[in-house]
PDB file of all heavy atoms in Angstrom:
ATOM      1  N   ALA A   1      82.915 -66.638  89.858  1.00  0.00           N
ATOM      2  CA  ALA A   1      82.464 -65.224  89.683  1.00  0.00           C
ATOM      3  C   ALA A   1      80.998 -65.278  89.152  1.00  0.00           C
ATOM      4  O   ALA A   1      80.544 -66.135  88.469  1.00  0.00           O
ATOM      5  CB  ALA A   1      83.373 -64.546  88.637  1.00  0.00           C
ATOM      6  N   PRO A   2      80.249 -64.142  89.444  1.00  0.00           N
ATOM      7  CA  PRO A   2      78.888 -64.106  89.018  1.00  0.00           C
ATOM      8  C   PRO A   2      78.716 -63.947  87.527  1.00  0.00           C
ATOM      9  O   PRO A   2      79.465 -63.246  86.861  1.00  0.00           O
ATOM     10  CB  PRO A   2      78.370 -62.834  89.821  1.00  0.00           C
ATOM     11  CG  PRO A   2      79.510 -61.952  89.959  1.00  0.00           C
ATOM     12  CD  PRO A   2      80.706 -62.913  90.213  1.00  0.00           C
ATOM     13  N   ILE A   3      77.594 -64.538  86.995  1.00  0.00           N
ATOM     14  CA  ILE A   3      77.298 -64.369  85.614  1.00  0.00           C
ATOM     15  C   ILE A   3      75.897 -63.742  85.437  1.00  0.00           C
ATOM     16  O   ILE A   3      75.388 -63.739  84.336  1.00  0.00           O
ATOM     17  CB  ILE A   3      77.349 -65.709  84.747  1.00  0.00           C
ATOM     18  CG1 ILE A   3      76.433 -66.752  85.437  1.00  0.00           C
ATOM     19  CG2 ILE A   3      78.776 -66.289  84.811  1.00  0.00           C
ATOM     20  CD1 ILE A   3      76.279 -68.092  84.574  1.00  0.00           C
ATOM     21  N   SER A   4      75.320 -63.346  86.509  1.00  0.00           N
ATOM     22  CA  SER A   4      73.936 -62.673  86.430  1.00  0.00           C
ATOM     23  C   SER A   4      74.035 -61.497  85.482  1.00  0.00           C
ATOM     24  O   SER A   4      75.061 -60.760  85.516  1.00  0.00           O
ATOM     25  CB  SER A   4      73.565 -62.207  87.808  1.00  0.00           C
ATOM     26  OG  SER A   4      73.407 -63.246  88.678  1.00  0.00           O
ATOM     27  N   TYR A   5      73.063 -61.271  84.659  1.00  0.00           N
ATOM     28  CA  TYR A   5      72.849 -60.212  83.698  1.00  0.00           C
ATOM     29  C   TYR A   5      73.748 -60.392  82.430  1.00  0.00           C
ATOM     30  O   TYR A   5      73.628 -59.704  81.529  1.00  0.00           O
ATOM     31  CB  TYR A   5      73.206 -58.835  84.304  1.00  0.00           C
ATOM     32  CG  TYR A   5      72.401 -58.653  85.516  1.00  0.00           C
ATOM     33  CD1 TYR A   5      72.990 -58.582  86.798  1.00  0.00           C
ATOM     34  CD2 TYR A   5      70.929 -58.623  85.537  1.00  0.00           C
ATOM     35  CE1 TYR A   5      72.343 -58.320  87.984  1.00  0.00           C
ATOM     36  CE2 TYR A   5      70.191 -58.413  86.690  1.00  0.00           C
ATOM     37  CZ  TYR A   5      70.898 -58.265  87.947  1.00  0.00           C
ATOM     38  OH  TYR A   5      70.204 -58.153  89.091  1.00  0.00           O
ATOM     39  N   LEU A   6      74.637 -61.377  82.498  1.00  0.00           N
ATOM     40  CA  LEU A   6      75.426 -61.834  81.284  1.00  0.00           C
ATOM     41  C   LEU A   6      74.608 -62.786  80.501  1.00  0.00           C
ATOM     42  O   LEU A   6      74.763 -62.837  79.209  1.00  0.00           O
ATOM     43  CB  LEU A   6      76.733 -62.318  81.594  1.00  0.00           C
ATOM     44  CG  LEU A   6      77.729 -61.297  82.356  1.00  0.00           C
ATOM     45  CD1 LEU A   6      79.042 -62.030  82.810  1.00  0.00           C
ATOM     46  CD2 LEU A   6      78.017 -60.132  81.453  1.00  0.00           C
ATOM     47  N   VAL A   7      73.889 -63.609  81.163  1.00  0.00           N
ATOM     48  CA  VAL A   7      73.101 -64.672  80.485  1.00  0.00           C
ATOM     49  C   VAL A   7      71.643 -64.455  80.994  1.00  0.00           C
ATOM     50  O   VAL A   7      71.438 -63.988  82.153  1.00  0.00           O
ATOM     51  CB  VAL A   7      73.600 -66.131  80.779  1.00  0.00           C
ATOM     52  CG1 VAL A   7      75.048 -66.185  80.210  1.00  0.00           C
ATOM     53  CG2 VAL A   7      73.562 -66.413  82.298  1.00  0.00           C
ATOM     54  N   PRO A   8      70.653 -65.036  80.349  1.00  0.00           N
ATOM     55  CA  PRO A   8      69.286 -65.056  80.849  1.00  0.00           C
ATOM     56  C   PRO A   8      69.262 -65.856  82.195  1.00  0.00           C
ATOM     57  O   PRO A   8      69.994 -66.773  82.291  1.00  0.00           O
ATOM     58  CB  PRO A   8      68.435 -65.724  79.821  1.00  0.00           C
ATOM     59  CG  PRO A   8      69.249 -65.399  78.465  1.00  0.00           C
ATOM     60  CD  PRO A   8      70.654 -65.488  78.878  1.00  0.00           C
ATOM     61  N   ASP A   9      68.300 -65.457  82.994  1.00  0.00           N
ATOM     62  CA  ASP A   9      68.083 -66.244  84.289  1.00  0.00           C
ATOM     63  C   ASP A   9      67.855 -67.740  84.115  1.00  0.00           C
ATOM     64  O   ASP A   9      68.470 -68.540  84.879  1.00  0.00           O
ATOM     65  CB  ASP A   9      66.943 -65.711  85.100  1.00  0.00           C
ATOM     66  CG  ASP A   9      67.161 -64.197  85.627  1.00  0.00           C
ATOM     67  OD1 ASP A   9      68.305 -63.799  85.667  1.00  0.00           O
ATOM     68  OD2 ASP A   9      66.155 -63.588  85.969  1.00  0.00           O
ATOM     69  N   ALA A  10      67.195 -68.078  83.078  1.00  0.00           N
ATOM     70  CA  ALA A  10      66.964 -69.474  82.741  1.00  0.00           C
ATOM     71  C   ALA A  10      68.174 -70.183  82.442  1.00  0.00           C
ATOM     72  O   ALA A  10      68.415 -71.396  82.823  1.00  0.00           O
ATOM     73  CB  ALA A  10      65.887 -69.666  81.708  1.00  0.00           C
ATOM     74  N   VAL A  11      69.100 -69.590  81.735  1.00  0.00           N
ATOM     75  CA  VAL A  11      70.448 -70.208  81.349  1.00  0.00           C
ATOM     76  C   VAL A  11      71.301 -70.280  82.580  1.00  0.00           C
ATOM     77  O   VAL A  11      71.965 -71.404  82.769  1.00  0.00           O
ATOM     78  CB  VAL A  11      70.960 -69.375  80.230  1.00  0.00           C
ATOM     79  CG1 VAL A  11      72.475 -69.811  79.957  1.00  0.00           C
ATOM     80  CG2 VAL A  11      70.248 -69.382  78.975  1.00  0.00           C
ATOM     81  N   GLU A  12      71.318 -69.322  83.405  1.00  0.00           N
ATOM     82  CA  GLU A  12      72.125 -69.335  84.670  1.00  0.00           C
ATOM     83  C   GLU A  12      71.602 -70.538  85.528  1.00  0.00           C
ATOM     84  O   GLU A  12      72.427 -71.230  86.132  1.00  0.00           O
ATOM     85  CB  GLU A  12      71.945 -68.099  85.466  1.00  0.00           C
ATOM     86  CG  GLU A  12      72.854 -68.012  86.626  1.00  0.00           C
ATOM     87  CD  GLU A  12      72.887 -66.711  87.265  1.00  0.00           C
ATOM     88  OE1 GLU A  12      72.012 -65.802  86.976  1.00  0.00           O
ATOM     89  OE2 GLU A  12      73.540 -66.502  88.282  1.00  0.00           O
ATOM     90  N   HIS A  13      70.267 -70.723  85.511  1.00  0.00           N
ATOM     91  CA  HIS A  13      69.683 -71.834  86.293  1.00  0.00           C
ATOM     92  C   HIS A  13      70.135 -73.240  85.773  1.00  0.00           C
ATOM     93  O   HIS A  13      70.561 -74.141  86.504  1.00  0.00           O
ATOM     94  CB  HIS A  13      68.214 -71.848  86.323  1.00  0.00           C
ATOM     95  CG  HIS A  13      67.481 -73.020  86.883  1.00  0.00           C
ATOM     96  ND1 HIS A  13      67.397 -73.208  88.219  1.00  0.00           N
ATOM     97  CD2 HIS A  13      66.859 -73.951  86.279  1.00  0.00           C
ATOM     98  CE1 HIS A  13      66.803 -74.432  88.390  1.00  0.00           C
ATOM     99  NE2 HIS A  13      66.398 -74.831  87.207  1.00  0.00           N
ATOM    100  N   LEU A  14      70.139 -73.357  84.436  1.00  0.00           N
ATOM    101  CA  LEU A  14      70.550 -74.643  83.800  1.00  0.00           C
ATOM    102  C   LEU A  14      71.970 -74.883  83.989  1.00  0.00           C
ATOM    103  O   LEU A  14      72.435 -76.053  84.191  1.00  0.00           O
ATOM    104  CB  LEU A  14      70.142 -74.623  82.321  1.00  0.00           C
ATOM    105  CG  LEU A  14      68.693 -74.733  81.999  1.00  0.00           C
ATOM    106  CD1 LEU A  14      68.378 -74.551  80.489  1.00  0.00           C
ATOM    107  CD2 LEU A  14      68.134 -76.146  82.447  1.00  0.00           C
ATOM    108  N   ILE A  15      72.848 -73.861  83.907  1.00  0.00           N
ATOM    109  CA  ILE A  15      74.289 -74.009  84.144  1.00  0.00           C
ATOM    110  C   ILE A  15      74.537 -74.599  85.599  1.00  0.00           C
ATOM    111  O   ILE A  15      75.321 -75.492  85.696  1.00  0.00           O
ATOM    112  CB  ILE A  15      75.000 -72.695  83.977  1.00  0.00           C
ATOM    113  CG1 ILE A  15      75.043 -72.344  82.467  1.00  0.00           C
ATOM    114  CG2 ILE A  15      76.388 -72.813  84.516  1.00  0.00           C
ATOM    115  CD1 ILE A  15      75.689 -71.034  82.197  1.00  0.00           C
ATOM    116  N   ALA A  16      73.762 -74.036  86.501  1.00  0.00           N
ATOM    117  CA  ALA A  16      73.884 -74.555  87.917  1.00  0.00           C
ATOM    118  C   ALA A  16      73.324 -75.980  88.054  1.00  0.00           C
ATOM    119  O   ALA A  16      73.894 -76.826  88.680  1.00  0.00           O
ATOM    120  CB  ALA A  16      73.230 -73.622  88.860  1.00  0.00           C
ATOM    121  N   LYS A  17      72.115 -76.176  87.418  1.00  0.00           N
ATOM    122  CA  LYS A  17      71.534 -77.470  87.522  1.00  0.00           C
ATOM    123  C   LYS A  17      72.430 -78.601  86.963  1.00  0.00           C
ATOM    124  O   LYS A  17      72.521 -79.735  87.584  1.00  0.00           O
ATOM    125  CB  LYS A  17      70.277 -77.438  86.801  1.00  0.00           C
ATOM    126  CG  LYS A  17      69.452 -78.845  86.754  1.00  0.00           C
ATOM    127  CD  LYS A  17      68.146 -78.727  85.972  1.00  0.00           C
ATOM    128  CE  LYS A  17      67.450 -80.046  86.016  1.00  0.00           C
ATOM    129  NZ  LYS A  17      66.171 -79.969  85.202  1.00  0.00           N
ATOM    130  N   PHE A  18      73.010 -78.395  85.799  1.00  0.00           N
ATOM    131  CA  PHE A  18      73.790 -79.379  85.177  1.00  0.00           C
ATOM    132  C   PHE A  18      75.299 -79.330  85.653  1.00  0.00           C
ATOM    133  O   PHE A  18      76.047 -80.110  85.071  1.00  0.00           O
ATOM    134  CB  PHE A  18      73.767 -79.184  83.644  1.00  0.00           C
ATOM    135  CG  PHE A  18      72.438 -79.516  83.054  1.00  0.00           C
ATOM    136  CD1 PHE A  18      71.826 -78.720  82.117  1.00  0.00           C
ATOM    137  CD2 PHE A  18      71.773 -80.724  83.367  1.00  0.00           C
ATOM    138  CE1 PHE A  18      70.675 -78.949  81.554  1.00  0.00           C
ATOM    139  CE2 PHE A  18      70.508 -81.010  82.797  1.00  0.00           C
ATOM    140  CZ  PHE A  18      69.942 -80.107  81.904  1.00  0.00           C
ATOM    141  N   GLU A  19      75.603 -78.382  86.476  1.00  0.00           N
ATOM    142  CA  GLU A  19      77.041 -78.190  86.959  1.00  0.00           C
ATOM    143  C   GLU A  19      77.929 -78.010  85.845  1.00  0.00           C
ATOM    144  O   GLU A  19      79.044 -78.635  85.800  1.00  0.00           O
ATOM    145  CB  GLU A  19      77.388 -79.382  87.914  1.00  0.00           C
ATOM    146  CG  GLU A  19      76.435 -79.596  89.109  1.00  0.00           C
ATOM    147  CD  GLU A  19      76.902 -80.709  89.935  1.00  0.00           C
ATOM    148  OE1 GLU A  19      77.959 -81.411  89.677  1.00  0.00           O
ATOM    149  OE2 GLU A  19      76.150 -81.105  90.817  1.00  0.00           O
ATOM    150  N   LEU A  20      77.584 -77.193  84.826  1.00  0.00           N
ATOM    151  CA  LEU A  20      78.391 -76.991  83.713  1.00  0.00           C
ATOM    152  C   LEU A  20      79.573 -76.028  84.030  1.00  0.00           C
ATOM    153  O   LEU A  20      79.477 -75.238  84.899  1.00  0.00           O
ATOM    154  CB  LEU A  20      77.579 -76.289  82.597  1.00  0.00           C
ATOM    155  CG  LEU A  20      76.418 -77.207  82.158  1.00  0.00           C
ATOM    156  CD1 LEU A  20      75.648 -76.390  81.050  1.00  0.00           C
ATOM    157  CD2 LEU A  20      76.956 -78.520  81.563  1.00  0.00           C
ATOM    158  N   TYR A  21      80.686 -76.328  83.261  1.00  0.00           N
ATOM    159  CA  TYR A  21      81.832 -75.410  83.296  1.00  0.00           C
ATOM    160  C   TYR A  21      82.576 -75.472  84.673  1.00  0.00           C
ATOM    161  O   TYR A  21      83.496 -74.603  84.897  1.00  0.00           O
ATOM    162  CB  TYR A  21      81.450 -73.987  82.952  1.00  0.00           C
ATOM    163  CG  TYR A  21      80.595 -73.915  81.754  1.00  0.00           C
ATOM    164  CD1 TYR A  21      79.352 -73.224  81.786  1.00  0.00           C
ATOM    165  CD2 TYR A  21      80.909 -74.555  80.569  1.00  0.00           C
ATOM    166  CE1 TYR A  21      78.518 -73.128  80.674  1.00  0.00           C
ATOM    167  CE2 TYR A  21      80.039 -74.468  79.477  1.00  0.00           C
ATOM    168  CZ  TYR A  21      78.849 -73.797  79.531  1.00  0.00           C
ATOM    169  OH  TYR A  21      78.050 -73.755  78.453  1.00  0.00           O
ATOM    170  N   GLN A  22      82.319 -76.463  85.493  1.00  0.00           N
ATOM    171  CA  GLN A  22      83.049 -76.629  86.729  1.00  0.00           C
ATOM    172  C   GLN A  22      84.299 -77.567  86.436  1.00  0.00           C
ATOM    173  O   GLN A  22      84.089 -78.686  85.821  1.00  0.00           O
ATOM    174  CB  GLN A  22      82.183 -77.305  87.823  1.00  0.00           C
ATOM    175  CG  GLN A  22      81.066 -76.535  88.164  1.00  0.00           C
ATOM    176  CD  GLN A  22      81.309 -75.273  88.860  1.00  0.00           C
ATOM    177  OE1 GLN A  22      82.382 -75.167  89.564  1.00  0.00           O
ATOM    178  NE2 GLN A  22      80.503 -74.258  88.682  1.00  0.00           N
ATOM    179  N   PRO A  23      85.472 -77.187  86.633  1.00  0.00           N
ATOM    180  CA  PRO A  23      86.604 -77.818  86.157  1.00  0.00           C
ATOM    181  C   PRO A  23      86.721 -79.356  86.851  1.00  0.00           C
ATOM    182  O   PRO A  23      87.289 -80.158  86.245  1.00  0.00           O
ATOM    183  CB  PRO A  23      87.797 -77.061  86.709  1.00  0.00           C
ATOM    184  CG  PRO A  23      87.239 -76.221  87.721  1.00  0.00           C
ATOM    185  CD  PRO A  23      85.832 -75.892  87.295  1.00  0.00           C
ATOM    186  N   THR A  24      86.098 -79.509  87.958  1.00  0.00           N
ATOM    187  CA  THR A  24      86.181 -80.891  88.506  1.00  0.00           C
ATOM    188  C   THR A  24      84.826 -81.568  88.593  1.00  0.00           C
ATOM    189  O   THR A  24      84.604 -82.507  89.253  1.00  0.00           O
ATOM    190  CB  THR A  24      86.694 -80.819  89.963  1.00  0.00           C
ATOM    191  OG1 THR A  24      85.869 -79.992  90.811  1.00  0.00           O
ATOM    192  CG2 THR A  24      88.080 -80.284  89.997  1.00  0.00           C
ATOM    193  N   SER A  25      83.841 -81.017  87.768  1.00  0.00           N
ATOM    194  CA  SER A  25      82.443 -81.625  87.986  1.00  0.00           C
ATOM    195  C   SER A  25      82.273 -82.943  87.239  1.00  0.00           C
ATOM    196  O   SER A  25      81.328 -83.622  87.540  1.00  0.00           O
ATOM    197  CB  SER A  25      81.445 -80.486  87.380  1.00  0.00           C
ATOM    198  OG  SER A  25      81.606 -80.392  85.975  1.00  0.00           O
ATOM    199  N   GLY A  26      83.061 -83.097  86.152  1.00  0.00           N
ATOM    200  CA  GLY A  26      82.799 -84.378  85.386  1.00  0.00           C
ATOM    201  C   GLY A  26      81.659 -84.349  84.538  1.00  0.00           C
ATOM    202  O   GLY A  26      81.111 -85.274  84.084  1.00  0.00           O
ATOM    203  N   LYS A  27      81.083 -83.110  84.343  1.00  0.00           N
ATOM    204  CA  LYS A  27      79.814 -82.930  83.563  1.00  0.00           C
ATOM    205  C   LYS A  27      80.017 -82.560  82.168  1.00  0.00           C
ATOM    206  O   LYS A  27      79.164 -81.965  81.548  1.00  0.00           O
ATOM    207  CB  LYS A  27      78.948 -81.953  84.280  1.00  0.00           C
ATOM    208  CG  LYS A  27      78.484 -82.301  85.733  1.00  0.00           C
ATOM    209  CD  LYS A  27      77.532 -83.494  85.753  1.00  0.00           C
ATOM    210  CE  LYS A  27      76.990 -83.799  87.100  1.00  0.00           C
ATOM    211  NZ  LYS A  27      75.997 -84.851  87.110  1.00  0.00           N
ATOM    212  N   GLN A  28      81.211 -82.825  81.631  1.00  0.00           N
ATOM    213  CA  GLN A  28      81.447 -82.233  80.330  1.00  0.00           C
ATOM    214  C   GLN A  28      80.920 -83.099  79.176  1.00  0.00           C
ATOM    215  O   GLN A  28      81.097 -82.812  77.969  1.00  0.00           O
ATOM    216  CB  GLN A  28      82.897 -82.038  80.071  1.00  0.00           C
ATOM    217  CG  GLN A  28      83.516 -80.902  81.083  1.00  0.00           C
ATOM    218  CD  GLN A  28      84.967 -80.654  80.821  1.00  0.00           C
ATOM    219  OE1 GLN A  28      85.534 -81.182  79.897  1.00  0.00           O
ATOM    220  NE2 GLN A  28      85.467 -79.742  81.525  1.00  0.00           N
ATOM    221  N   ALA A  29      80.382 -84.282  79.433  1.00  0.00           N
ATOM    222  CA  ALA A  29      79.858 -85.087  78.329  1.00  0.00           C
ATOM    223  C   ALA A  29      78.590 -85.752  78.623  1.00  0.00           C
ATOM    224  O   ALA A  29      78.353 -86.952  78.436  1.00  0.00           O
ATOM    225  CB  ALA A  29      80.987 -86.210  78.142  1.00  0.00           C
ATOM    226  N   HIS A  30      77.587 -84.899  79.094  1.00  0.00           N
ATOM    227  CA  HIS A  30      76.264 -85.393  79.407  1.00  0.00           C
ATOM    228  C   HIS A  30      75.656 -86.049  78.119  1.00  0.00           C
ATOM    229  O   HIS A  30      75.116 -87.167  78.294  1.00  0.00           O
ATOM    230  CB  HIS A  30      75.390 -84.267  79.832  1.00  0.00           C
ATOM    231  CG  HIS A  30      75.190 -84.105  81.336  1.00  0.00           C
ATOM    232  ND1 HIS A  30      74.915 -85.247  82.124  1.00  0.00           N
ATOM    233  CD2 HIS A  30      75.155 -83.065  82.164  1.00  0.00           C
ATOM    234  CE1 HIS A  30      74.797 -84.954  83.330  1.00  0.00           C
ATOM    235  NE2 HIS A  30      74.883 -83.575  83.395  1.00  0.00           N
TER     236      HIS A  30
END
């Protein structure tokens, strides 16, 4: 689901860059 306007654009970019909060991303312990 979209998170635009809920977080700053820069935060949305970092969430995508680090693949955060994806249940199968394996990115929970960078």
